[in-house]
């Protein structure tokens, strides 16, 4: 497989991940009863068992300071 095809396939997948994750998180925030000033801990995990890949990113969503 050529590198350009690989890159395009990865970008397509990550675009879908970004769009659907954004939507799911926004919907969850609308339903949530949040305490003022409390940041939200997040974890995103990417797994590709056939490749032996497990990549995890952790972070914080601070709604009071979105920058």
N, C-alpha and C. Protein backbone atom coordinates (compact mmCIF):
# COMPACT_ATOMS: atom_id res chain seq x y z
N UNK A 1 0.85 -1.17 0.00
CA UNK A 1 0.00 0.00 0.00
C UNK A 1 0.90 1.24 0.00
N UNK A 2 0.57 2.20 -0.82
CA UNK A 2 1.37 3.42 -0.89
C UNK A 2 1.11 4.32 0.31
N UNK A 3 2.14 5.07 0.68
CA UNK A 3 2.04 5.94 1.86
C UNK A 3 0.89 6.94 1.73
N UNK A 4 0.66 7.47 0.56
CA UNK A 4 -0.42 8.43 0.36
C UNK A 4 -1.79 7.80 0.63
N UNK A 5 -1.98 6.56 0.21
CA UNK A 5 -3.24 5.86 0.47
C UNK A 5 -3.41 5.60 1.96
N UNK A 6 -2.33 5.24 2.61
CA UNK A 6 -2.38 5.00 4.06
C UNK A 6 -2.76 6.29 4.79
N UNK A 7 -2.09 7.38 4.42
CA UNK A 7 -2.38 8.67 5.07
C UNK A 7 -3.83 9.09 4.87
N UNK A 8 -4.36 8.93 3.67
CA UNK A 8 -5.75 9.30 3.38
C UNK A 8 -6.72 8.46 4.20
N UNK A 9 -6.47 7.16 4.30
CA UNK A 9 -7.34 6.28 5.08
C UNK A 9 -7.32 6.67 6.56
N UNK A 10 -6.14 6.99 7.07
CA UNK A 10 -6.02 7.40 8.48
C UNK A 10 -6.76 8.71 8.70
N UNK A 11 -6.58 9.68 7.81
CA UNK A 11 -7.27 10.97 7.94
C UNK A 11 -8.78 10.81 7.92
N UNK A 12 -9.28 9.95 7.03
CA UNK A 12 -10.73 9.72 6.96
C UNK A 12 -11.25 9.16 8.28
N UNK A 13 -10.52 8.18 8.82
CA UNK A 13 -10.94 7.60 10.10
C UNK A 13 -10.89 8.63 11.22
N UNK A 14 -9.81 9.38 11.31
CA UNK A 14 -9.68 10.37 12.38
C UNK A 14 -10.70 11.49 12.25
N UNK A 15 -11.08 11.85 11.04
CA UNK A 15 -12.13 12.85 10.85
C UNK A 15 -13.44 12.34 11.43
N UNK A 16 -13.78 11.07 11.16
CA UNK A 16 -15.00 10.48 11.70
C UNK A 16 -14.93 10.42 13.22
N UNK A 17 -13.78 10.05 13.76
CA UNK A 17 -13.60 10.00 15.21
C UNK A 17 -13.83 11.38 15.81
N UNK A 18 -13.25 12.40 15.20
CA UNK A 18 -13.39 13.76 15.72
C UNK A 18 -14.82 14.26 15.70
N UNK A 19 -15.49 14.04 14.58
CA UNK A 19 -16.88 14.52 14.44
C UNK A 19 -17.81 13.79 15.40
N UNK A 20 -17.72 12.47 15.45
CA UNK A 20 -18.64 11.71 16.30
C UNK A 20 -18.32 11.90 17.78
N UNK A 21 -17.04 12.04 18.11
CA UNK A 21 -16.65 12.27 19.51
C UNK A 21 -17.13 13.64 19.98
N UNK A 22 -16.98 14.63 19.13
CA UNK A 22 -17.44 15.98 19.46
C UNK A 22 -18.94 15.98 19.73
N UNK A 23 -19.68 15.33 18.86
CA UNK A 23 -21.13 15.26 19.00
C UNK A 23 -21.51 14.54 20.30
N UNK A 24 -20.89 13.41 20.56
CA UNK A 24 -21.21 12.63 21.77
C UNK A 24 -20.89 13.42 23.03
N UNK A 25 -19.76 14.11 23.04
CA UNK A 25 -19.37 14.88 24.21
C UNK A 25 -20.30 16.07 24.42
N UNK A 26 -20.66 16.76 23.34
CA UNK A 26 -21.58 17.90 23.44
C UNK A 26 -22.94 17.46 23.99
N UNK A 27 -23.45 16.32 23.51
CA UNK A 27 -24.73 15.81 23.99
C UNK A 27 -24.65 15.43 25.46
N UNK A 28 -23.55 14.80 25.87
CA UNK A 28 -23.38 14.42 27.27
C UNK A 28 -23.31 15.66 28.17
N UNK A 29 -22.65 16.72 27.70
CA UNK A 29 -22.55 17.95 28.48
C UNK A 29 -23.91 18.62 28.65
N UNK A 30 -24.76 18.53 27.63
CA UNK A 30 -26.10 19.12 27.72
C UNK A 30 -26.93 18.42 28.79
N UNK A 31 -26.75 17.12 28.94
CA UNK A 31 -27.53 16.33 29.92
C UNK A 31 -26.95 16.40 31.33
N UNK A 32 -25.68 16.75 31.43
CA UNK A 32 -24.98 16.68 32.72
C UNK A 32 -25.38 17.82 33.64
N UNK A 33 -25.33 17.52 34.91
CA UNK A 33 -25.50 18.53 35.95
C UNK A 33 -24.12 18.79 36.53
N UNK A 34 -23.49 19.84 36.03
CA UNK A 34 -22.11 20.12 36.40
C UNK A 34 -22.02 21.12 37.53
N UNK A 35 -20.98 20.95 38.34
CA UNK A 35 -20.69 21.92 39.39
C UNK A 35 -19.86 23.03 38.75
N UNK A 36 -20.15 24.25 39.16
CA UNK A 36 -19.44 25.43 38.65
C UNK A 36 -17.93 25.29 38.85
N UNK A 37 -17.18 25.48 37.79
CA UNK A 37 -15.72 25.49 37.88
C UNK A 37 -15.06 24.13 37.93
N UNK A 38 -15.83 23.06 37.89
CA UNK A 38 -15.24 21.73 37.99
C UNK A 38 -14.81 21.24 36.61
N UNK A 39 -13.50 21.02 36.41
CA UNK A 39 -13.05 20.49 35.12
C UNK A 39 -13.48 19.04 34.94
N UNK A 40 -13.57 18.61 33.71
CA UNK A 40 -14.00 17.24 33.40
C UNK A 40 -12.80 16.47 32.88
N UNK A 41 -12.51 15.35 33.53
CA UNK A 41 -11.40 14.50 33.10
C UNK A 41 -11.84 13.68 31.89
N UNK A 42 -10.97 13.59 30.89
CA UNK A 42 -11.27 12.85 29.67
C UNK A 42 -10.18 11.83 29.37
N UNK A 43 -10.58 10.72 28.76
CA UNK A 43 -9.65 9.72 28.27
C UNK A 43 -10.13 9.26 26.91
N UNK A 44 -9.23 9.25 25.95
CA UNK A 44 -9.54 8.75 24.61
C UNK A 44 -8.58 7.60 24.33
N UNK A 45 -9.14 6.46 23.92
CA UNK A 45 -8.33 5.29 23.64
C UNK A 45 -8.53 4.86 22.20
N UNK A 46 -7.42 4.65 21.51
CA UNK A 46 -7.42 4.14 20.15
C UNK A 46 -6.81 2.75 20.19
N UNK A 47 -7.57 1.77 19.72
CA UNK A 47 -7.08 0.39 19.71
C UNK A 47 -7.18 -0.19 18.31
N UNK A 48 -6.12 -0.87 17.91
CA UNK A 48 -6.09 -1.62 16.65
C UNK A 48 -5.44 -2.96 16.97
N UNK A 49 -6.24 -3.93 17.45
CA UNK A 49 -5.69 -5.21 17.89
C UNK A 49 -4.83 -5.91 16.83
N UNK A 50 -5.22 -5.82 15.58
CA UNK A 50 -4.45 -6.48 14.51
C UNK A 50 -3.05 -5.90 14.38
N UNK A 51 -2.86 -4.65 14.86
CA UNK A 51 -1.55 -4.00 14.79
C UNK A 51 -0.83 -4.01 16.13
N UNK A 52 -1.49 -4.53 17.16
CA UNK A 52 -0.90 -4.51 18.49
C UNK A 52 -0.82 -3.09 19.05
N UNK A 53 -1.77 -2.25 18.65
CA UNK A 53 -1.76 -0.85 19.04
C UNK A 53 -2.82 -0.56 20.10
N UNK A 54 -2.38 0.12 21.14
CA UNK A 54 -3.29 0.68 22.13
C UNK A 54 -2.69 2.02 22.53
N UNK A 55 -3.33 3.10 22.11
CA UNK A 55 -2.83 4.46 22.34
C UNK A 55 -3.87 5.20 23.16
N UNK A 56 -3.44 5.76 24.29
CA UNK A 56 -4.38 6.42 25.18
C UNK A 56 -3.93 7.86 25.44
N UNK A 57 -4.90 8.77 25.35
CA UNK A 57 -4.65 10.18 25.62
C UNK A 57 -5.57 10.59 26.76
N UNK A 58 -5.02 11.26 27.75
CA UNK A 58 -5.83 11.78 28.84
C UNK A 58 -5.73 13.30 28.83
N UNK A 59 -6.75 13.93 29.31
CA UNK A 59 -6.76 15.39 29.36
C UNK A 59 -7.89 15.88 30.22
N UNK A 60 -8.08 17.16 30.16
CA UNK A 60 -9.07 17.83 31.00
C UNK A 60 -9.83 18.83 30.16
N UNK A 61 -11.12 18.86 30.35
CA UNK A 61 -11.99 19.82 29.68
C UNK A 61 -12.36 20.88 30.72
N UNK A 62 -11.80 22.07 30.55
CA UNK A 62 -12.06 23.17 31.46
C UNK A 62 -13.05 24.11 30.79
N UNK A 63 -14.30 24.04 31.18
CA UNK A 63 -15.35 24.83 30.55
C UNK A 63 -15.27 26.31 30.91
N UNK A 64 -14.54 26.65 31.97
CA UNK A 64 -14.39 28.04 32.38
C UNK A 64 -13.27 28.74 31.63
N UNK A 65 -12.37 27.97 31.06
CA UNK A 65 -11.23 28.53 30.35
C UNK A 65 -10.99 27.68 29.11
N UNK A 66 -11.77 27.86 28.03
CA UNK A 66 -11.69 26.99 26.87
C UNK A 66 -10.42 27.11 26.03
N UNK A 67 -9.54 28.06 26.35
CA UNK A 67 -8.32 28.24 25.55
C UNK A 67 -7.32 27.21 25.85
